[in-house]
Amino acid sequence: MIKSLLVGAIAGGAVMWIYGDRIRDYIDDMTMNVRERAAAGLEGAAERLQTVADTVEDGLSGAARRAS
């Protein structure tokens, strides 16, 4: 049982040592679209939150002006 674990760990380490750059490049290429969509979604959410913050700020400053 332990021999199998050790052989598997050594084989996995060897594969990563030899093909690690190729594997990383492949994963980066496959996830590029996902990361771009997530970034675009976060950017849109940040813009909406900024609009809400501006609206709230305007509302609070308007209420202070009306109270004066």
Protein backbone atom coordinates (compact mmCIF):
# COMPACT_ATOMS: atom_id res chain seq x y z
CA MET A 1 0.00 0.00 0.00
CA ILE A 2 2.71 2.48 0.95
CA LYS A 3 4.79 1.44 -2.07
CA SER A 4 1.90 2.38 -4.37
CA LEU A 5 1.55 5.74 -2.64
CA LEU A 6 5.26 6.47 -2.96
CA VAL A 7 5.38 5.41 -6.63
CA GLY A 8 2.36 7.59 -7.37
CA ALA A 9 3.87 10.58 -5.57
CA ILE A 10 7.18 10.17 -7.40
CA ALA A 11 5.43 9.74 -10.75
CA GLY A 12 3.24 12.80 -10.13
CA GLY A 13 6.26 14.86 -9.12
CA ALA A 14 8.14 13.77 -12.24
CA VAL A 15 5.21 14.65 -14.50
CA MET A 16 4.91 18.11 -12.93
CA TRP A 17 8.66 18.65 -13.19
CA ILE A 18 8.70 17.71 -16.89
CA TYR A 19 5.32 19.02 -18.06
CA GLY A 20 4.51 21.61 -15.37
CA ASP A 21 4.90 24.66 -17.62
CA ARG A 22 2.76 23.13 -20.35
CA ILE A 23 0.06 22.18 -17.85
CA ARG A 24 0.04 25.70 -16.34
CA ASP A 25 -0.16 27.30 -19.79
CA TYR A 26 -3.02 25.00 -20.79
CA ILE A 27 -4.97 25.77 -17.61
CA ASP A 28 -4.35 29.51 -18.07
CA ASP A 29 -5.64 29.32 -21.65
CA MET A 30 -8.73 27.36 -20.62
CA THR A 31 -9.62 29.70 -17.74
CA MET A 32 -8.84 33.01 -19.48
CA ASN A 33 -12.45 33.49 -20.64
CA VAL A 34 -13.80 32.70 -17.19
CA ARG A 35 -11.47 35.21 -15.54
CA GLU A 36 -12.36 37.91 -18.09
CA ARG A 37 -16.08 37.40 -17.50
CA ALA A 38 -15.61 37.49 -13.74
CA ALA A 39 -13.58 40.69 -13.99
CA ALA A 40 -16.24 42.29 -16.18
CA GLY A 41 -18.95 41.27 -13.74
CA LEU A 42 -17.05 42.68 -10.79
CA GLU A 43 -16.42 45.91 -12.68
CA GLY A 44 -20.14 46.26 -13.40
CA ALA A 45 -20.99 45.57 -9.78
CA ALA A 46 -18.48 48.20 -8.63
CA GLU A 47 -20.03 50.77 -10.98
CA ARG A 48 -23.52 50.00 -9.67
CA LEU A 49 -22.34 50.25 -6.07
CA GLN A 50 -20.69 53.60 -6.80
CA THR A 51 -23.95 54.87 -8.31
CA VAL A 52 -25.87 53.74 -5.22
CA ALA A 53 -23.28 55.37 -2.94
CA ASP A 54 -23.54 58.63 -4.88
CA THR A 55 -27.34 58.51 -4.69
CA VAL A 56 -27.27 57.90 -0.95
CA GLU A 57 -24.72 60.66 -0.42
CA ASP A 58 -26.81 63.10 -2.46
CA GLY A 59 -29.88 62.11 -0.49
CA LEU A 60 -28.17 62.65 2.86
CA SER A 61 -26.65 65.99 1.87
CA GLY A 62 -30.02 67.07 0.44
CA ALA A 63 -31.74 66.16 3.70
CA ALA A 64 -29.14 68.19 5.65
CA ARG A 65 -29.76 71.20 3.39
CA ARG A 66 -33.52 70.91 3.85
CA ALA A 67 -33.14 70.69 7.65
CA SER A 68 -31.06 73.90 7.77
